[in-house]
Amino acid sequence: MEVFLLWMDELDDAAVALWTLLPRALGFLAAMAALLATGLACLRFPALAAPSLALLLASTRFHRGRSSSSAGGTLRDA
């Protein structure tokens, strides 16, 4: 009986660890998929890749400019 309870306790700890780390793992996999898709798009459709990359960089720069000016000049937590 004690072995069964220890096994269930270990299983519960593993489930909590998995539930805690799952969003980070899925975020990493999504970032890798986006990177792969971008690389394939650059190789397959180079005429569309340059304008889309420029749009992405411009929107990122615009977003950072807006978020830093709305924060009141303070540093945000990373």
N, C-alpha and C. Protein backbone atom coordinates (compact mmCIF):
# COMPACT_ATOMS: atom_id res chain seq x y z
N MET A 1 0.82 -1.19 0.00
CA MET A 1 0.00 0.00 0.00
C MET A 1 0.87 1.27 0.00
N GLU A 2 1.95 1.22 0.79
CA GLU A 2 2.82 2.39 0.85
C GLU A 2 3.51 2.65 -0.49
N VAL A 3 3.87 1.60 -1.20
CA VAL A 3 4.49 1.75 -2.50
C VAL A 3 3.52 2.42 -3.47
N PHE A 4 2.27 2.03 -3.41
CA PHE A 4 1.26 2.63 -4.28
C PHE A 4 1.09 4.12 -3.97
N LEU A 5 1.10 4.48 -2.68
CA LEU A 5 0.96 5.89 -2.31
C LEU A 5 2.17 6.70 -2.75
N LEU A 6 3.38 6.14 -2.62
CA LEU A 6 4.57 6.83 -3.08
C LEU A 6 4.54 7.00 -4.60
N TRP A 7 4.08 5.98 -5.30
CA TRP A 7 3.99 6.05 -6.75
C TRP A 7 3.00 7.13 -7.17
N MET A 8 1.87 7.20 -6.50
CA MET A 8 0.87 8.23 -6.81
C MET A 8 1.40 9.63 -6.50
N ASP A 9 2.18 9.76 -5.43
CA ASP A 9 2.77 11.05 -5.10
C ASP A 9 3.75 11.49 -6.18
N GLU A 10 4.59 10.57 -6.65
CA GLU A 10 5.53 10.88 -7.72
C GLU A 10 4.80 11.24 -9.01
N LEU A 11 3.73 10.53 -9.30
CA LEU A 11 2.93 10.80 -10.49
C LEU A 11 2.29 12.19 -10.40
N ASP A 12 1.82 12.55 -9.25
CA ASP A 12 1.24 13.88 -9.04
C ASP A 12 2.30 14.96 -9.22
N ASP A 13 3.49 14.76 -8.68
CA ASP A 13 4.58 15.73 -8.84
C ASP A 13 4.96 15.87 -10.31
N ALA A 14 5.00 14.78 -11.04
CA ALA A 14 5.34 14.83 -12.46
C ALA A 14 4.27 15.58 -13.24
N ALA A 15 3.01 15.36 -12.89
CA ALA A 15 1.92 16.04 -13.59
C ALA A 15 1.97 17.55 -13.35
N VAL A 16 2.28 17.96 -12.13
CA VAL A 16 2.38 19.39 -11.82
C VAL A 16 3.56 20.01 -12.56
N ALA A 17 4.69 19.31 -12.60
CA ALA A 17 5.85 19.83 -13.33
C ALA A 17 5.55 19.96 -14.81
N LEU A 18 4.88 18.98 -15.37
CA LEU A 18 4.52 19.03 -16.78
C LEU A 18 3.55 20.18 -17.05
N TRP A 19 2.59 20.36 -16.20
CA TRP A 19 1.61 21.44 -16.37
C TRP A 19 2.27 22.80 -16.26
N THR A 20 3.30 22.90 -15.41
CA THR A 20 4.01 24.16 -15.24
C THR A 20 4.90 24.48 -16.44
N LEU A 21 5.58 23.45 -16.98
CA LEU A 21 6.53 23.66 -18.06
C LEU A 21 5.90 23.59 -19.45
N LEU A 22 4.69 23.12 -19.56
CA LEU A 22 4.05 22.95 -20.85
C LEU A 22 3.91 24.25 -21.65
N PRO A 23 3.49 25.37 -21.07
CA PRO A 23 3.39 26.60 -21.87
C PRO A 23 4.74 27.05 -22.44
N ARG A 24 5.81 26.90 -21.66
CA ARG A 24 7.13 27.28 -22.17
C ARG A 24 7.56 26.36 -23.30
N ALA A 25 7.30 25.07 -23.16
CA ALA A 25 7.68 24.12 -24.20
C ALA A 25 6.88 24.38 -25.48
N LEU A 26 5.59 24.65 -25.34
CA LEU A 26 4.77 24.93 -26.51
C LEU A 26 5.17 26.25 -27.16
N GLY A 27 5.53 27.24 -26.36
CA GLY A 27 6.01 28.50 -26.91
C GLY A 27 7.30 28.32 -27.69
N PHE A 28 8.20 27.48 -27.17
CA PHE A 28 9.45 27.20 -27.88
C PHE A 28 9.16 26.49 -29.20
N LEU A 29 8.27 25.51 -29.17
CA LEU A 29 7.93 24.80 -30.40
C LEU A 29 7.26 25.72 -31.42
N ALA A 30 6.43 26.63 -30.96
CA ALA A 30 5.79 27.59 -31.87
C ALA A 30 6.82 28.53 -32.48
N ALA A 31 7.79 28.97 -31.68
CA ALA A 31 8.83 29.84 -32.21
C ALA A 31 9.69 29.11 -33.23
N MET A 32 9.99 27.85 -32.97
CA MET A 32 10.77 27.06 -33.93
C MET A 32 10.00 26.83 -35.23
N ALA A 33 8.69 26.61 -35.11
CA ALA A 33 7.86 26.43 -36.30
C ALA A 33 7.80 27.72 -37.12
N ALA A 34 7.70 28.86 -36.44
CA ALA A 34 7.68 30.15 -37.15
C ALA A 34 9.02 30.41 -37.83
N LEU A 35 10.11 30.06 -37.17
CA LEU A 35 11.43 30.23 -37.76
C LEU A 35 11.59 29.34 -38.99
N LEU A 36 11.14 28.11 -38.89
CA LEU A 36 11.21 27.19 -40.03
C LEU A 36 10.35 27.69 -41.19
N ALA A 37 9.15 28.15 -40.88
CA ALA A 37 8.27 28.66 -41.93
C ALA A 37 8.87 29.91 -42.59
N THR A 38 9.51 30.75 -41.81
CA THR A 38 10.15 31.94 -42.38
C THR A 38 11.30 31.56 -43.29
N GLY A 39 12.11 30.61 -42.83
CA GLY A 39 13.22 30.16 -43.66
C GLY A 39 12.76 29.54 -44.95
N LEU A 40 11.74 28.72 -44.89
CA LEU A 40 11.20 28.11 -46.10
C LEU A 40 10.58 29.15 -47.03
N ALA A 41 9.93 30.13 -46.46
CA ALA A 41 9.33 31.19 -47.28
C ALA A 41 10.42 32.01 -47.97
N CYS A 42 11.52 32.26 -47.26
CA CYS A 42 12.62 33.01 -47.88
C CYS A 42 13.25 32.23 -49.03
N LEU A 43 13.33 30.93 -48.88
CA LEU A 43 13.91 30.11 -49.95
C LEU A 43 12.94 29.92 -51.12
N ARG A 44 11.68 29.75 -50.80
CA ARG A 44 10.69 29.42 -51.83
C ARG A 44 10.16 30.65 -52.55
N PHE A 45 9.90 31.73 -51.80
CA PHE A 45 9.32 32.95 -52.35
C PHE A 45 10.17 34.16 -51.96
N PRO A 46 11.35 34.33 -52.54
CA PRO A 46 12.21 35.44 -52.12
C PRO A 46 11.62 36.82 -52.45
N ALA A 47 10.78 36.91 -53.46
CA ALA A 47 10.20 38.21 -53.81
C ALA A 47 9.20 38.68 -52.76
N LEU A 48 8.56 37.74 -52.08
CA LEU A 48 7.62 38.12 -51.03
C LEU A 48 8.28 38.21 -49.67
N ALA A 49 9.43 37.58 -49.53
CA ALA A 49 10.08 37.53 -48.22
C ALA A 49 10.63 38.89 -47.82
N ALA A 50 11.24 39.63 -48.74
CA ALA A 50 11.84 40.91 -48.39
C ALA A 50 10.79 41.94 -47.92
N PRO A 51 9.69 42.13 -48.65
CA PRO A 51 8.69 43.10 -48.14
C PRO A 51 8.05 42.65 -46.82
N SER A 52 7.81 41.37 -46.67
CA SER A 52 7.20 40.91 -45.43
C SER A 52 8.17 41.07 -44.26
N LEU A 53 9.47 40.86 -44.49
CA LEU A 53 10.46 41.08 -43.44
C LEU A 53 10.54 42.57 -43.08
N ALA A 54 10.48 43.42 -44.08
CA ALA A 54 10.49 44.86 -43.82
C ALA A 54 9.25 45.29 -43.03
N LEU A 55 8.11 44.72 -43.36
CA LEU A 55 6.88 45.03 -42.63
C LEU A 55 6.97 44.55 -41.19
N LEU A 56 7.53 43.36 -40.99
CA LEU A 56 7.69 42.83 -39.64
C LEU A 56 8.62 43.71 -38.81
N LEU A 57 9.74 44.11 -39.38
CA LEU A 57 10.67 44.97 -38.65
C LEU A 57 10.06 46.33 -38.35
N ALA A 58 9.32 46.89 -39.31
CA ALA A 58 8.69 48.19 -39.09
C ALA A 58 7.62 48.11 -38.00
N SER A 59 6.83 47.05 -38.01
CA SER A 59 5.78 46.92 -37.00
C SER A 59 6.38 46.68 -35.62
N THR A 60 7.49 45.92 -35.55
CA THR A 60 8.15 45.70 -34.27
C THR A 60 8.71 47.00 -33.73
N ARG A 61 9.32 47.78 -34.61
CA ARG A 61 9.89 49.06 -34.19
C ARG A 61 8.78 50.02 -33.76
N PHE A 62 7.68 50.02 -34.47
CA PHE A 62 6.55 50.87 -34.11
C PHE A 62 5.98 50.45 -32.75
N HIS A 63 5.85 49.15 -32.53
CA HIS A 63 5.31 48.65 -31.26
C HIS A 63 6.23 49.00 -30.10
N ARG A 64 7.54 48.85 -30.29
CA ARG A 64 8.48 49.19 -29.22
C ARG A 64 8.47 50.68 -28.95
N GLY A 65 8.33 51.48 -29.98
CA GLY A 65 8.27 52.92 -29.78
C GLY A 65 7.04 53.33 -29.00
N ARG A 66 5.92 52.71 -29.31
CA ARG A 66 4.68 53.04 -28.59
C ARG A 66 4.73 52.54 -27.16
N SER A 67 5.23 51.33 -26.95
CA SER A 67 5.22 50.77 -25.60
C SER A 67 6.21 51.49 -24.69
N SER A 68 7.35 51.94 -25.23
CA SER A 68 8.31 52.64 -24.37
C SER A 68 7.82 54.05 -24.04
N SER A 69 7.12 54.70 -24.98
CA SER A 69 6.63 56.05 -24.69
C SER A 69 5.43 56.00 -23.74
N SER A 70 4.64 54.93 -23.79
CA SER A 70 3.49 54.84 -22.90
C SER A 70 3.89 54.40 -21.50
N ALA A 71 5.11 53.83 -21.35
CA ALA A 71 5.55 53.37 -20.02
C ALA A 71 6.05 54.53 -19.17
N GLY A 72 6.18 55.71 -19.74
CA GLY A 72 6.61 56.85 -18.97
C GLY A 72 8.12 56.94 -18.79
N GLY A 73 8.86 56.28 -19.64
CA GLY A 73 10.31 56.35 -19.57
C GLY A 73 10.94 55.41 -18.56
N THR A 74 10.16 54.58 -17.92
CA THR A 74 10.72 53.65 -16.96
C THR A 74 11.08 52.34 -17.64
N LEU A 75 11.99 51.62 -17.04
CA LEU A 75 12.37 50.31 -17.59
C LEU A 75 11.33 49.28 -17.21
N ARG A 76 11.01 48.45 -18.17
CA ARG A 76 10.04 47.39 -17.90
C ARG A 76 10.77 46.14 -17.47
N ASP A 77 10.07 45.28 -16.73
CA ASP A 77 10.66 44.00 -16.33
C ASP A 77 10.81 43.11 -17.53
N ALA A 78 11.89 42.36 -17.58
CA ALA A 78 12.13 41.45 -18.71
C ALA A 78 11.43 40.14 -18.49
